[in-house]
Protein backbone atom coordinates (compact mmCIF):
# COMPACT_ATOMS: atom_id res chain seq x y z
CA MET A 1 20.24 -69.58 78.49
CA PRO A 2 17.05 -70.79 77.43
CA GLN A 3 16.03 -67.56 76.30
CA PHE A 4 19.39 -67.00 74.32
CA LEU A 5 18.88 -70.81 72.69
CA LYS A 6 15.40 -69.55 71.66
CA TYR A 7 16.50 -66.47 69.77
CA LEU A 8 19.27 -68.34 68.44
CA PHE A 9 16.94 -70.98 66.97
CA ALA A 10 14.59 -68.40 65.75
CA SER A 11 17.27 -66.60 63.99
CA CYS A 12 18.54 -69.64 62.25
CA LEU A 13 15.02 -70.74 61.19
CA GLY A 14 14.53 -67.46 59.87
CA THR A 15 17.84 -67.51 57.83
CA ALA A 16 17.28 -71.08 56.61
CA LEU A 17 13.58 -69.88 55.36
CA ALA A 18 15.08 -66.95 53.69
CA LEU A 19 17.57 -68.80 51.89
CA GLY A 20 14.96 -71.44 50.96
CA LEU A 21 12.65 -68.68 49.61
CA LEU A 22 15.75 -66.96 47.65
CA LEU A 23 16.78 -70.45 46.16
CA PHE A 24 12.97 -70.81 45.12
CA VAL A 25 12.90 -67.41 43.56
CA GLY A 26 16.28 -67.88 41.95
CA VAL A 27 15.03 -71.08 40.44
CA SER A 28 11.72 -69.90 39.16
CA SER A 29 13.55 -66.68 38.10
CA LEU A 30 16.00 -68.99 35.87
CA ALA A 31 13.07 -71.33 34.50
CA GLY A 32 11.24 -68.09 33.63
CA LEU A 33 14.22 -66.77 31.92
CA VAL A 34 14.97 -69.99 30.16
CA SER A 35 11.36 -70.42 29.06
CA SER A 36 11.05 -66.84 27.83
CA ALA A 37 14.40 -67.27 25.92
CA ALA A 38 13.06 -70.26 24.24
CA GLU A 39 9.68 -68.49 23.55
CA ASP A 40 11.28 -65.17 21.90
CA LYS A 41 13.70 -67.10 19.82
CA ALA A 42 12.44 -66.13 16.23
CA VAL A 43 13.47 -68.25 13.68
CA THR A 44 12.73 -67.39 9.84
CA VAL A 45 13.78 -69.37 6.92
CA ARG A 46 15.26 -66.83 4.49
CA GLU A 47 15.34 -67.37 0.43
CA ASN A 48 17.81 -69.36 -1.11
CA SER A 49 18.80 -71.23 2.22
CA ILE A 50 20.56 -74.39 2.88
CA LEU A 51 19.23 -77.00 5.27
CA GLU A 52 22.39 -77.94 7.47
CA LEU A 53 22.21 -81.27 9.36
CA ASN A 54 25.58 -81.76 11.68
CA PHE A 55 24.55 -84.79 13.69
CA ASP A 56 26.66 -83.24 16.74
CA ASN A 57 24.32 -84.97 19.39
CA VAL A 58 22.92 -88.61 19.99
CA ILE A 59 19.82 -88.83 18.08
CA PRO A 60 16.88 -89.96 20.10
CA GLU A 61 13.75 -91.41 18.41
CA LYS A 62 11.51 -88.76 19.95
CA THR A 63 13.04 -85.01 19.86
CA ASN A 64 14.41 -84.05 23.29
CA ASN A 65 14.25 -87.52 24.76
CA THR A 66 17.83 -87.25 25.90
CA GLU A 67 20.08 -85.76 28.69
CA MET A 68 19.94 -81.97 27.87
CA ASP A 69 22.14 -79.00 29.00
CA PRO A 70 20.39 -77.44 31.74
CA PHE A 71 22.49 -74.07 31.35
CA ASP A 72 21.55 -73.81 27.72
CA VAL A 73 19.67 -70.73 27.74
CA ASP A 74 18.49 -71.09 24.05
CA GLN A 75 16.95 -74.31 24.77
CA SER A 76 18.12 -75.64 21.53
CA ASN A 77 16.26 -78.85 20.60
CA VAL A 78 17.76 -82.17 19.97
CA VAL A 79 15.73 -83.13 17.11
CA GLY A 80 14.76 -86.96 17.19
CA VAL A 81 14.67 -89.26 14.49
CA THR A 82 10.91 -88.88 13.55
CA ASP A 83 10.84 -84.86 13.50
CA MET A 84 13.93 -85.07 11.49
CA ILE A 85 12.34 -87.00 8.83
CA LYS A 86 9.32 -84.79 9.08
CA MET A 87 11.61 -81.80 8.45
CA ILE A 88 13.49 -83.14 5.55
CA LYS A 89 10.06 -84.10 3.98
CA MET A 90 9.13 -80.49 4.70
CA ALA A 91 12.12 -79.12 3.29
CA LYS A 92 11.95 -81.04 -0.13
CA ASN A 93 8.69 -78.81 -0.86
CA ASP A 94 9.70 -75.61 0.84
CA GLY A 95 10.57 -73.07 -1.94
CA ASP A 96 13.04 -71.32 0.66
CA ILE A 97 15.22 -74.38 0.79
CA LYS A 98 17.21 -75.17 -2.02
CA GLY A 99 19.43 -77.86 -0.76
CA ILE A 100 20.79 -79.80 2.23
CA TYR A 101 24.27 -79.62 3.24
CA ILE A 102 25.55 -82.72 5.74
CA ARG A 103 28.72 -82.32 7.77
CA PRO A 104 28.43 -86.18 9.27
CA GLN A 105 31.89 -86.87 10.60
CA MET A 106 30.13 -88.67 13.51
CA VAL A 107 26.71 -89.92 13.66
CA SER A 108 25.55 -91.03 16.95
CA ALA A 109 22.41 -93.27 15.99
CA GLY A 110 21.61 -96.90 15.61
CA LYS A 111 21.69 -98.38 12.36
CA VAL A 112 17.93 -98.23 11.84
CA SER A 113 17.61 -94.84 12.84
CA THR A 114 20.76 -93.71 10.46
CA ALA A 115 19.03 -95.96 7.40
CA ASP A 116 15.71 -93.85 8.47
CA ILE A 117 17.00 -90.25 7.98
CA ARG A 118 19.17 -91.54 4.95
CA ALA A 119 16.20 -92.91 3.25
CA ALA A 120 14.27 -89.36 3.96
CA LEU A 121 17.50 -87.63 2.19
CA GLU A 122 17.32 -90.00 -0.73
CA ASP A 123 13.71 -89.07 -1.25
CA PHE A 124 14.59 -85.31 -0.86
CA LYS A 125 16.53 -85.75 -3.96
CA THR A 126 13.30 -86.65 -6.08
CA SER A 127 12.50 -82.99 -5.89
CA GLY A 128 15.59 -82.08 -7.77
CA LYS A 129 17.25 -80.26 -5.34
CA PHE A 130 20.88 -80.95 -4.17
CA ILE A 131 22.80 -82.61 -1.25
CA VAL A 132 26.34 -81.79 -0.60
CA ALA A 133 28.40 -83.50 2.03
CA TYR A 134 31.66 -82.40 3.46
CA GLY A 135 33.91 -84.09 6.26
CA ASP A 136 37.42 -83.70 7.33
CA PHE A 137 36.92 -87.60 8.20
CA TYR A 138 34.13 -89.80 7.78
CA THR A 139 33.36 -92.55 10.18
CA GLN A 140 31.73 -95.62 8.78
CA ASN A 141 28.04 -94.60 9.96
CA ALA A 142 29.04 -91.02 8.98
CA TYR A 143 30.04 -92.28 5.45
CA TYR A 144 26.75 -94.29 5.08
CA MET A 145 24.75 -91.13 5.95
CA ALA A 146 27.01 -88.91 3.49
CA SER A 147 26.71 -91.61 0.47
CA VAL A 148 23.19 -90.41 -0.23
CA ALA A 149 24.71 -86.96 -1.25
CA ASP A 150 25.03 -85.88 -4.83
CA SER A 151 28.57 -84.77 -4.01
CA ILE A 152 30.77 -85.84 -1.53
CA TYR A 153 33.72 -83.64 -0.24
CA LEU A 154 36.88 -84.76 1.92
CA ASN A 155 39.59 -82.96 3.39
CA PRO A 156 42.75 -83.45 1.33
CA VAL A 157 44.24 -85.09 5.00
CA GLY A 158 41.09 -86.81 5.59
CA ALA A 159 40.14 -90.51 5.25
CA VAL A 160 36.94 -92.81 4.88
CA GLU A 161 36.81 -95.37 7.41
CA PHE A 162 35.33 -97.97 5.07
CA LYS A 163 35.94 -101.55 6.31
CA GLY A 164 32.70 -103.65 6.90
CA TYR A 165 31.53 -104.44 10.18
CA ALA A 166 32.41 -106.00 13.38
CA ALA A 167 30.72 -106.92 16.53
CA THR A 168 32.76 -106.69 19.89
CA ILE A 169 31.57 -108.11 23.41
CA THR A 170 33.70 -107.26 26.44
CA PHE A 171 33.75 -110.25 28.77
CA PHE A 172 34.36 -110.00 32.58
CA LYS A 173 34.83 -113.66 33.90
CA GLU A 174 38.74 -113.58 34.07
CA MET A 175 38.34 -110.22 36.30
CA LEU A 176 35.63 -111.96 38.35
CA ASP A 177 37.68 -115.07 38.75
CA LYS A 178 40.79 -112.97 39.87
CA LEU A 179 38.46 -111.10 42.57
CA ASP A 180 37.12 -114.43 43.61
CA VAL A 181 33.71 -113.37 42.65
CA GLN A 182 31.56 -116.12 42.21
CA MET A 183 28.61 -115.47 39.73
CA ARG A 184 25.46 -117.47 39.91
CA ILE A 185 24.09 -117.52 36.62
CA PHE A 186 20.71 -118.96 35.75
CA TYR A 187 19.18 -118.71 32.31
CA ALA A 188 16.95 -120.51 29.93
CA GLY A 189 17.49 -120.51 26.04
CA GLN A 190 20.67 -122.02 24.70
CA PHE A 191 21.08 -118.76 22.73
CA LYS A 192 20.52 -116.52 25.72
CA SER A 193 23.90 -114.95 25.58
CA ALA A 194 22.94 -112.14 27.79
CA THR A 195 25.20 -114.17 30.62
CA GLU A 196 28.05 -115.30 28.42
CA PRO A 197 30.51 -112.03 29.58
CA TYR A 198 30.04 -113.06 33.29
CA ARG A 199 30.76 -117.03 32.54
CA LEU A 200 32.86 -117.36 29.57
CA ASP A 201 35.87 -115.72 28.26
CA LYS A 202 34.86 -115.50 24.48
CA MET A 203 31.70 -116.18 22.54
CA SER A 204 29.86 -119.39 22.43
CA ASP A 205 29.34 -120.94 19.31
CA GLN A 206 25.71 -120.15 19.34
CA ASN A 207 26.27 -116.59 20.06
CA ARG A 208 28.70 -116.55 17.17
CA LEU A 209 26.20 -117.87 14.78
CA GLN A 210 23.36 -115.64 15.58
CA THR A 211 25.74 -112.61 15.70
CA ARG A 212 27.03 -113.40 12.50
CA VAL A 213 23.47 -113.75 11.22
CA TYR A 214 22.08 -110.26 12.06
CA LEU A 215 25.68 -108.40 11.41
CA ASN A 216 25.78 -109.78 7.71
CA ALA A 217 22.14 -108.75 7.39
CA LEU A 218 23.03 -105.26 8.61
CA TYR A 219 26.00 -105.35 6.25
CA ASP A 220 23.93 -106.16 3.31
CA ILE A 221 21.60 -103.17 3.96
CA PHE A 222 24.74 -100.82 4.30
CA ILE A 223 26.46 -102.29 0.91
CA ASN A 224 23.25 -102.35 -0.96
CA ASP A 225 22.28 -98.66 -0.03
CA ILE A 226 25.44 -97.15 -0.91
CA SER A 227 25.69 -99.11 -4.25
CA ARG A 228 22.35 -97.68 -5.26
CA THR A 229 23.19 -94.08 -4.43
CA ARG A 230 26.91 -94.16 -5.45
CA GLY A 231 26.58 -96.29 -8.59
CA ILE A 232 29.30 -98.74 -7.43
CA SER A 233 28.65 -102.53 -7.45
CA PRO A 234 28.19 -104.51 -4.19
CA ASN A 235 31.20 -106.68 -5.03
CA ASP A 236 33.22 -103.78 -5.52
CA LEU A 237 32.54 -102.02 -2.31
CA ARG A 238 33.29 -105.06 -0.65
CA GLY A 239 36.47 -105.41 -2.07
CA ILE A 240 37.23 -101.74 -1.40
CA ALA A 241 36.22 -102.54 2.08
CA ASP A 242 38.32 -105.81 2.49
CA ARG A 243 41.13 -103.92 1.10
CA TYR A 244 40.63 -100.73 3.36
CA GLU A 245 41.06 -98.38 0.44
CA GLY A 246 39.37 -95.65 1.54
CA PHE A 247 41.81 -94.67 4.44
CA SER A 248 43.38 -91.96 2.30
CA ALA A 249 41.81 -89.21 0.63
CA GLU A 250 43.60 -89.99 -2.85
CA MET A 251 42.40 -93.67 -2.45
CA ALA A 252 39.01 -92.85 -1.63
CA GLN A 253 38.55 -90.67 -4.62
CA LYS A 254 39.96 -93.31 -6.85
CA ASN A 255 37.46 -95.99 -5.72
CA ARG A 256 34.71 -93.24 -6.16
CA LEU A 257 33.74 -93.07 -2.29
CA VAL A 258 34.05 -89.44 -2.66
CA ASP A 259 33.57 -86.89 -5.41
CA HIS A 260 36.13 -84.08 -4.57
CA ILE A 261 39.06 -83.38 -2.26
CA GLY A 262 39.17 -80.05 -0.75
CA HIS A 263 38.62 -78.09 2.16
CA GLU A 264 34.85 -77.13 3.57
CA ASP A 265 35.36 -73.59 1.73
CA VAL A 266 35.43 -75.57 -1.52
CA ALA A 267 32.15 -77.28 -0.81
CA ILE A 268 30.62 -74.02 0.22
CA ASN A 269 31.62 -72.18 -2.83
CA ALA A 270 30.09 -74.93 -5.03
CA MET A 271 26.88 -74.67 -3.37
CA LYS A 272 26.80 -71.08 -3.69
CA LYS A 273 27.50 -71.68 -7.34
CA ARG A 274 24.54 -74.25 -7.78
CA ILE A 275 21.90 -71.39 -6.24
CA GLY A 276 23.46 -68.67 -8.44
CA LEU A 277 25.57 -66.93 -5.98
CA ASN A 278 29.06 -65.36 -6.16
CA GLU A 279 31.81 -66.50 -4.08
CA LYS A 280 31.50 -63.29 -2.18
CA ASP A 281 27.86 -63.70 -1.11
CA LYS A 282 26.85 -65.08 2.20
CA LEU A 283 25.29 -68.86 1.97
CA ASN A 284 22.23 -68.81 4.03
CA ARG A 285 22.62 -71.94 6.41
CA ILE A 286 19.70 -72.84 8.75
CA LYS A 287 20.64 -75.78 11.21
CA MET A 288 18.03 -78.38 11.80
CA ASP A 289 17.18 -77.32 15.39
CA ASP A 290 16.27 -74.08 13.76
CA TYR A 291 14.33 -75.15 11.00
CA TYR A 292 12.30 -77.31 13.53
CA VAL A 293 11.38 -74.23 15.67
CA ALA A 294 10.65 -72.21 12.46
CA LYS A 295 8.40 -74.71 10.67
CA GLY A 296 7.87 -77.95 12.65
CA LYS A 297 7.48 -77.25 16.30
CA GLY A 298 3.97 -78.00 17.48
CA VAL A 299 2.74 -77.54 13.95
CA ASP A 300 -0.36 -79.74 13.22
CA LEU A 301 -2.13 -78.71 9.90
CA THR A 302 -5.13 -81.12 10.05
CA ASP A 303 -8.37 -80.39 11.53
CA ALA A 304 -8.83 -84.05 12.58
CA LYS A 305 -10.58 -84.76 15.85
CA ASP A 306 -9.65 -88.40 16.37
CA LYS A 307 -6.13 -88.85 17.47
CA ILE A 308 -3.55 -91.99 17.40
CA ALA A 309 -1.27 -92.07 20.48
CA VAL A 310 2.36 -92.61 19.57
CA VAL A 311 4.33 -93.98 22.68
CA TYR A 312 8.11 -93.79 22.30
CA MET A 313 9.89 -96.58 24.73
CA GLU A 314 13.50 -95.93 24.55
CA GLY A 315 16.44 -97.43 26.66
CA THR A 316 16.49 -100.18 29.44
CA ILE A 317 13.32 -101.34 30.89
CA THR A 318 13.56 -100.84 34.77
CA ASP A 319 11.26 -100.89 38.03
CA GLY A 320 9.98 -98.00 39.45
CA VAL A 321 10.03 -94.13 38.29
CA SER A 322 13.09 -92.58 37.05
CA ALA A 323 13.85 -88.92 36.33
CA GLU A 324 16.14 -90.10 33.51
CA PRO A 325 15.25 -89.38 29.93
CA ASN A 326 15.60 -92.02 27.40
CA SER A 327 14.54 -94.80 29.68
CA ILE A 328 11.33 -97.16 30.43
CA THR A 329 10.15 -97.43 33.84
CA ASP A 330 6.98 -99.18 34.76
CA GLY A 331 5.65 -96.65 37.07
CA GLN A 332 5.90 -93.92 34.00
CA TYR A 333 4.41 -96.02 31.39
CA VAL A 334 1.74 -97.56 33.25
CA LYS A 335 0.38 -94.12 34.01
CA ILE A 336 0.88 -93.30 30.53
CA LEU A 337 -0.85 -96.19 28.89
CA ARG A 338 -3.72 -95.82 31.47
CA LYS A 339 -4.21 -92.15 30.56
CA ILE A 340 -4.37 -93.11 26.88
CA ARG A 341 -6.66 -96.07 27.65
CA ASN A 342 -9.31 -93.38 29.29
CA ASP A 343 -9.04 -91.00 26.49
CA ASP A 344 -11.81 -91.32 24.32
CA ARG A 345 -10.32 -89.12 21.50
CA ILE A 346 -7.37 -91.47 21.32
CA LYS A 347 -8.62 -94.14 18.88
CA ALA A 348 -5.51 -96.27 18.67
CA VAL A 349 -1.90 -96.64 19.97
CA VAL A 350 1.46 -97.21 17.98
CA ILE A 351 4.39 -97.96 20.40
CA ARG A 352 7.80 -96.95 19.00
CA MET A 353 10.11 -99.56 20.55
CA ASP A 354 13.84 -98.96 20.73
CA SER A 355 14.82 -101.22 23.89
CA PRO A 356 17.30 -104.17 24.81
CA GLY A 357 14.63 -105.17 27.49
CA GLY A 358 15.17 -105.45 31.10
CA SER A 359 13.22 -106.23 34.16
CA VAL A 360 10.66 -108.76 33.71
CA LEU A 361 8.28 -107.39 36.34
CA ALA A 362 8.34 -104.12 34.64
CA SER A 363 7.83 -105.57 31.38
CA GLU A 364 5.01 -107.48 32.49
CA ASN A 365 3.33 -104.33 34.12
CA ILE A 366 3.64 -102.50 30.76
CA PHE A 367 2.43 -105.36 28.80
CA ARG A 368 -0.47 -105.71 31.04
CA GLU A 369 -1.43 -102.15 30.09
CA VAL A 370 -1.19 -102.74 26.66
CA LEU A 371 -3.62 -105.65 27.10
CA LEU A 372 -6.13 -103.24 28.73
CA CYS A 373 -5.76 -100.79 25.78
CA LYS A 374 -6.72 -103.53 23.48
CA GLN A 375 -9.57 -104.74 25.75
CA ALA A 376 -10.87 -100.71 25.61
CA GLY A 377 -11.12 -100.89 22.03
CA LYS A 378 -8.04 -99.23 21.00
CA PRO A 379 -5.81 -101.25 18.28
CA VAL A 380 -2.16 -101.28 19.38
CA VAL A 381 0.59 -101.62 16.80
CA VAL A 382 4.22 -101.75 17.34
CA SER A 383 6.90 -100.20 15.43
CA MET A 384 10.54 -101.36 16.27
CA ALA A 385 13.29 -99.10 15.87
CA ASN A 386 17.02 -100.21 16.19
CA VAL A 387 16.48 -102.93 18.88
CA ALA A 388 13.04 -104.48 20.19
CA ALA A 389 14.66 -107.51 22.12
CA SER A 390 13.76 -109.55 24.79
CA GLY A 391 11.81 -107.23 27.14
CA GLY A 392 11.12 -105.01 24.50
CA TYR A 393 9.65 -107.69 22.39
CA TYR A 394 7.57 -109.05 25.59
CA ILE A 395 5.65 -105.93 25.75
CA GLY A 396 4.32 -105.75 22.36
CA CYS A 397 4.14 -109.36 21.73
CA GLN A 398 0.60 -109.47 21.50
CA ALA A 399 -0.07 -106.15 19.65
CA ASP A 400 -2.50 -106.23 16.73
CA SER A 401 0.31 -105.84 14.12
CA ILE A 402 4.07 -105.81 14.87
CA PHE A 403 6.37 -103.72 12.26
CA ALA A 404 10.13 -104.19 11.97
CA GLU A 405 12.83 -102.49 9.92
CA PRO A 406 15.31 -104.39 8.02
CA GLY A 407 18.02 -103.68 10.28
CA THR A 408 16.14 -104.04 13.58
CA ILE A 409 17.62 -106.73 16.03
CA THR A 410 14.78 -108.36 18.00
CA GLY A 411 13.80 -111.85 19.33
CA SER A 412 15.86 -112.82 22.09
CA ILE A 413 12.77 -114.43 23.85
CA GLY A 414 14.29 -115.91 26.87
CA VAL A 415 15.23 -114.80 30.41
CA PHE A 416 18.18 -114.92 33.17
CA GLY A 417 19.08 -114.17 36.63
CA ILE A 418 22.37 -113.34 37.77
CA VAL A 419 23.60 -113.09 41.70
CA PRO A 420 27.17 -112.11 42.54
CA ILE A 421 28.27 -114.10 45.53
CA LEU A 422 31.17 -112.20 47.28
CA GLN A 423 31.58 -114.97 50.01
CA LYS A 424 35.17 -115.91 48.94
CA THR A 425 36.10 -112.32 47.79
CA MET A 426 35.67 -111.23 51.10
CA LYS A 427 37.56 -113.91 52.98
CA ASN A 428 40.55 -114.37 50.50
CA ASN A 429 41.11 -110.67 49.81
CA LEU A 430 39.81 -108.98 52.94
CA GLY A 431 40.13 -111.61 55.61
CA ILE A 432 36.20 -111.28 56.45
CA THR A 433 34.27 -114.10 57.00
CA VAL A 434 30.48 -114.15 57.40
CA ASP A 435 28.36 -116.57 59.52
CA THR A 436 24.55 -116.96 60.35
CA VAL A 437 21.81 -118.14 62.44
CA LYS A 438 18.67 -118.97 60.65
CA THR A 439 14.88 -119.78 61.81
CA GLY A 440 14.40 -122.07 58.58
CA LYS A 441 16.36 -123.75 55.88
CA PHE A 442 16.05 -120.68 53.32
CA SER A 443 16.21 -117.78 55.66
CA ALA A 444 19.43 -116.65 54.48
CA PHE A 445 18.59 -117.48 50.83
CA GLY A 446 19.24 -114.51 48.39
CA THR A 447 22.01 -112.61 50.47
CA PRO A 448 25.25 -111.96 48.19
CA LEU A 449 27.27 -112.80 51.08
CA LEU A 450 26.56 -116.54 51.26
CA ASP A 451 26.83 -118.85 48.31
CA PHE A 452 23.63 -120.59 47.27
CA SER A 453 23.04 -124.25 48.25
CA ASP A 454 22.33 -126.99 45.62
CA GLU A 455 18.79 -126.83 46.84
CA GLU A 456 18.55 -122.91 46.53
CA SER A 457 20.08 -123.09 42.87
CA LYS A 458 17.14 -125.62 41.81
CA ILE A 459 14.68 -123.06 43.09
CA VAL A 460 16.20 -120.04 41.12
CA GLN A 461 16.54 -122.35 37.97
CA ALA A 462 12.82 -123.34 38.44
CA ARG A 463 12.00 -119.68 38.42
CA ILE A 464 13.86 -118.70 35.70
CA GLU A 465 12.37 -121.79 33.49
CA ALA A 466 8.64 -121.06 34.45
CA THR A 467 9.36 -117.29 33.46
CA TYR A 468 10.65 -118.39 30.30
CA GLU A 469 7.50 -120.69 29.76
CA ASP A 470 5.29 -117.88 30.43
CA PHE A 471 7.18 -115.81 27.90
CA LEU A 472 6.62 -118.29 25.29
CA SER A 473 3.27 -118.80 25.86
CA LYS A 474 2.55 -115.06 25.54
CA VAL A 475 4.32 -114.94 22.11
CA ALA A 476 2.46 -117.88 20.94
CA LYS A 477 -0.84 -116.38 21.88
CA GLY A 478 0.07 -112.99 20.20
CA ARG A 479 1.61 -114.67 17.20
CA HIS A 480 -1.07 -117.50 16.72
CA LYS A 481 1.59 -120.22 17.18
CA THR A 482 2.01 -123.26 19.32
CA ARG A 483 4.34 -123.14 22.47
CA ASP A 484 6.81 -125.28 20.44
CA GLU A 485 6.64 -123.21 17.51
CA ILE A 486 7.90 -120.34 19.41
CA HIS A 487 10.30 -122.37 21.24
CA GLU A 488 12.22 -123.50 18.14
CA ILE A 489 12.80 -119.84 17.42
CA ALA A 490 13.10 -118.39 20.64
CA GLN A 491 15.56 -119.74 23.18
CA GLY A 492 17.17 -116.27 23.60
CA ARG A 493 18.25 -116.12 19.84
CA VAL A 494 18.49 -112.58 18.20
CA TRP A 495 17.36 -112.09 14.71
CA PRO A 496 17.46 -109.31 12.22
CA GLY A 497 14.12 -107.59 11.19
CA ILE A 498 14.04 -109.56 7.84
CA LYS A 499 14.47 -113.03 9.18
CA ALA A 500 12.05 -112.09 11.93
CA LYS A 501 9.10 -111.57 9.32
CA GLU A 502 10.18 -114.72 7.78
CA ILE A 503 9.64 -116.85 10.90
CA GLY A 504 6.72 -115.10 12.09
CA LEU A 505 7.85 -112.88 14.96
CA VAL A 506 6.64 -109.59 13.11
CA ASP A 507 3.99 -109.19 10.57
CA ASP A 508 5.78 -106.78 8.15
CA ILE A 509 8.84 -104.62 7.20
CA GLY A 510 8.20 -100.80 7.75
CA GLY A 511 8.80 -97.76 9.69
CA LEU A 512 6.68 -95.63 11.92
CA ASP A 513 4.77 -94.20 8.95
CA ARG A 514 3.41 -97.70 7.96
CA ALA A 515 2.49 -98.46 11.59
CA LEU A 516 0.72 -95.24 11.70
CA ALA A 517 -1.39 -96.51 8.58
CA ALA A 518 -1.82 -99.70 10.04
CA ALA A 519 -3.33 -98.22 13.16
CA ALA A 520 -5.66 -95.78 11.39
CA ARG A 521 -6.79 -98.93 9.33
CA LEU A 522 -7.46 -101.02 12.42
CA ALA A 523 -9.21 -97.91 14.03
CA SER A 524 -11.30 -97.28 11.23
CA ILE A 525 -10.48 -93.72 10.91
CA ASP A 526 -9.35 -91.83 7.73
CA LYS A 527 -8.44 -88.53 9.14
CA TYR A 528 -6.15 -88.18 12.66
CA LYS A 529 -3.81 -86.35 14.84
CA THR A 530 -0.70 -87.87 16.86
CA LYS A 531 -0.20 -87.49 20.20
CA GLU A 532 3.35 -88.19 21.21
CA TYR A 533 4.28 -89.80 24.72
CA PRO A 534 6.19 -89.20 27.17
CA GLU A 535 6.04 -85.55 27.29
CA THR A 536 9.92 -84.60 27.22
CA LYS A 537 11.57 -82.00 29.63
CA THR A 538 13.70 -79.06 29.15
CA GLY A 539 17.31 -79.28 30.28
CA LEU A 540 16.29 -77.07 33.37
CA GLU A 541 13.55 -79.45 34.33
CA GLN A 542 15.92 -82.36 34.01
CA PHE A 543 18.38 -80.78 36.13
CA VAL A 544 15.55 -79.88 38.96
CA ASP A 545 14.58 -83.39 39.15
CA LYS A 546 17.72 -85.00 39.54
CA TYR A 547 19.31 -82.44 41.96
CA THR A 548 16.26 -82.24 44.20
CA ASN A 549 16.35 -85.89 44.80
CA LYS A 550 19.59 -87.39 46.59
CA LYS A 551 19.83 -90.48 45.13
CA ASP A 552 19.51 -88.96 41.56
CA ARG A 553 21.67 -86.24 42.31
CA ASP A 554 24.48 -88.44 43.77
CA ASP A 555 24.08 -90.87 40.77
CA ALA A 556 23.97 -87.73 38.07
CA ILE A 557 27.37 -86.68 39.83
CA SER A 558 29.20 -89.72 40.04
CA ASN A 559 28.18 -90.54 36.39
CA SER A 560 29.28 -87.36 34.99
CA VAL A 561 32.75 -87.70 36.54
CA LEU A 562 32.97 -91.49 35.56
CA LYS A 563 31.94 -90.44 31.57
CA ALA A 564 35.04 -87.83 31.62
CA GLU A 565 37.35 -90.52 33.08
CA LEU A 566 36.38 -93.67 31.16
CA GLY A 567 35.60 -92.19 27.82
CA ASP A 568 34.87 -94.86 25.41
CA MET A 569 35.00 -97.55 28.30
CA TYR A 570 32.05 -96.09 29.97
CA PRO A 571 29.61 -98.26 28.29
CA VAL A 572 31.31 -101.31 29.75
CA TYR A 573 31.32 -99.87 33.22
CA ARG A 574 27.66 -98.90 32.77
CA SER A 575 26.85 -102.75 31.55
CA PHE A 576 28.42 -104.10 34.46
CA ARG A 577 26.49 -101.50 36.89
CA ASP A 578 23.22 -102.25 35.26
CA ILE A 579 23.81 -106.10 35.95
CA ARG A 580 24.97 -105.33 39.72
CA ASN A 581 21.89 -103.05 40.00
CA ALA A 582 19.40 -105.26 38.37
CA LYS A 583 16.67 -106.64 40.49
CA GLY A 584 14.90 -110.14 39.85
CA ILE A 585 14.71 -111.72 36.86
CA GLN A 586 15.57 -110.21 33.44
CA ALA A 587 14.68 -110.21 30.00
CA ARG A 588 17.30 -108.17 28.11
CA LEU A 589 20.58 -107.83 26.13
CA PRO A 590 22.70 -106.59 28.99
CA TYR A 591 26.09 -106.60 27.43
CA GLU A 592 27.79 -103.81 25.60
CA MET A 593 27.77 -104.96 21.87
CA VAL A 594 29.78 -102.60 19.74
CA ILE A 595 29.05 -102.72 16.04
CA TRP A 596 31.91 -101.15 14.18
């Protein structure tokens, strides 16, 4: 029997090793196949081509900094905002590109990202080349993009969703009350509305005020940009929105929101005619991701030796290291900034921030590395994208220069902590009670199974207020103001970029290009190359990262199922999940505010 077991064990071990080897070879072969397919994919731009923009994917700031399909053997790139703008500028001077065709039925990007791309399209038109837009239906964000076109086509049974902006927040308090969940909430700042979904059933007066201020600022940008390119007065546009007169093709055309009613073939034939083709001729259309491969991927025409690091920080700020794209973890970004600091070829750093904030601890760790970069003689400039709030502002508050865009949501200088107490939930709904034996007064402090005592609550609140004071002092030092001056405009209040400049939270209004120019000036360099961080991974590499780590694999599977089941309600679940999983004191906008 012992001999039999020995042979059995040896056989099983051999089988396991063989299967492991086969799996390794299979994954390696698949990786090689994908890599080879990506490298061998030859893309050329033919004469009389039209650059096509579909906006099918969520648009990140940095190319491929988003979740990608691991089984896409073509490895199509998800072109980010920065590279998309570069490609539009390149197309402006490309003799083979005669015009741009956009089909923006849905544009999954923030207000600032959409405005930046639209501005590049508006600049493209100064070349004398045309832009044509066609949509079966235009959402409001999509119409904002399409409104830059020379000619806008709409399907005969389509509509334009032109109605103005509304911000919605989901509140959980009544649900939590029904479940007997006691949310112990601590915060500093009367405008720190991050905790409201868990302690109120509607917006506070302060939150309603700040929301109205930045919503109106965003709407003004929306109206004025459309007015400029469509030749319709702002007052007329507001009237069209108030009467909802774009919600039929005929009314949309009557109000000059669109130029032509017709199917897509009408728009295609119109473009053919503009470049001298007959209706039966083929129209050469090249998609943005292919144009990026053909013209822009890895291309750097400068011979400069000096570099400026462009560090993209997109997503919620969390502790540790995450394999997820579009996230900010201190474990990852501390290493990135340390690497930059020790690279003598890098003369300056630009942080492109697009984050609602998150963990104070993670923000502090990244903030420290930003300071060390400055101390190493590398100027640091912050470029704010859609959102740079709370922890997102914390990280860059002592940068040498801070740029926001007109529609950037920033500020929210405040902190909070939320602890769900399940003691009553378990007792009243499950008949489960909890008892404890302690060696000291605070030994059981922090468990969600026992409610806080008054003394424990005071300890937490004191820590929150101390963290807030530290936040104020950091901002005051960075902005060259007193603590009281910052406190007056802080208290968790959110500001639009234009107002943030007026009150001194940012230095100037401008995009990434202006931030790069400022960094070069501060570093006293004329010619430079840019080096982008973090390095993005292919879909297959993301897949391997997720599914070789048990926790990431389980999270990925459950999240995929929930996304499919919840649909548009998934962001609400995600918001609640983030609060549940948050560790320590938070500096963030955790609720899901949807601007329609």
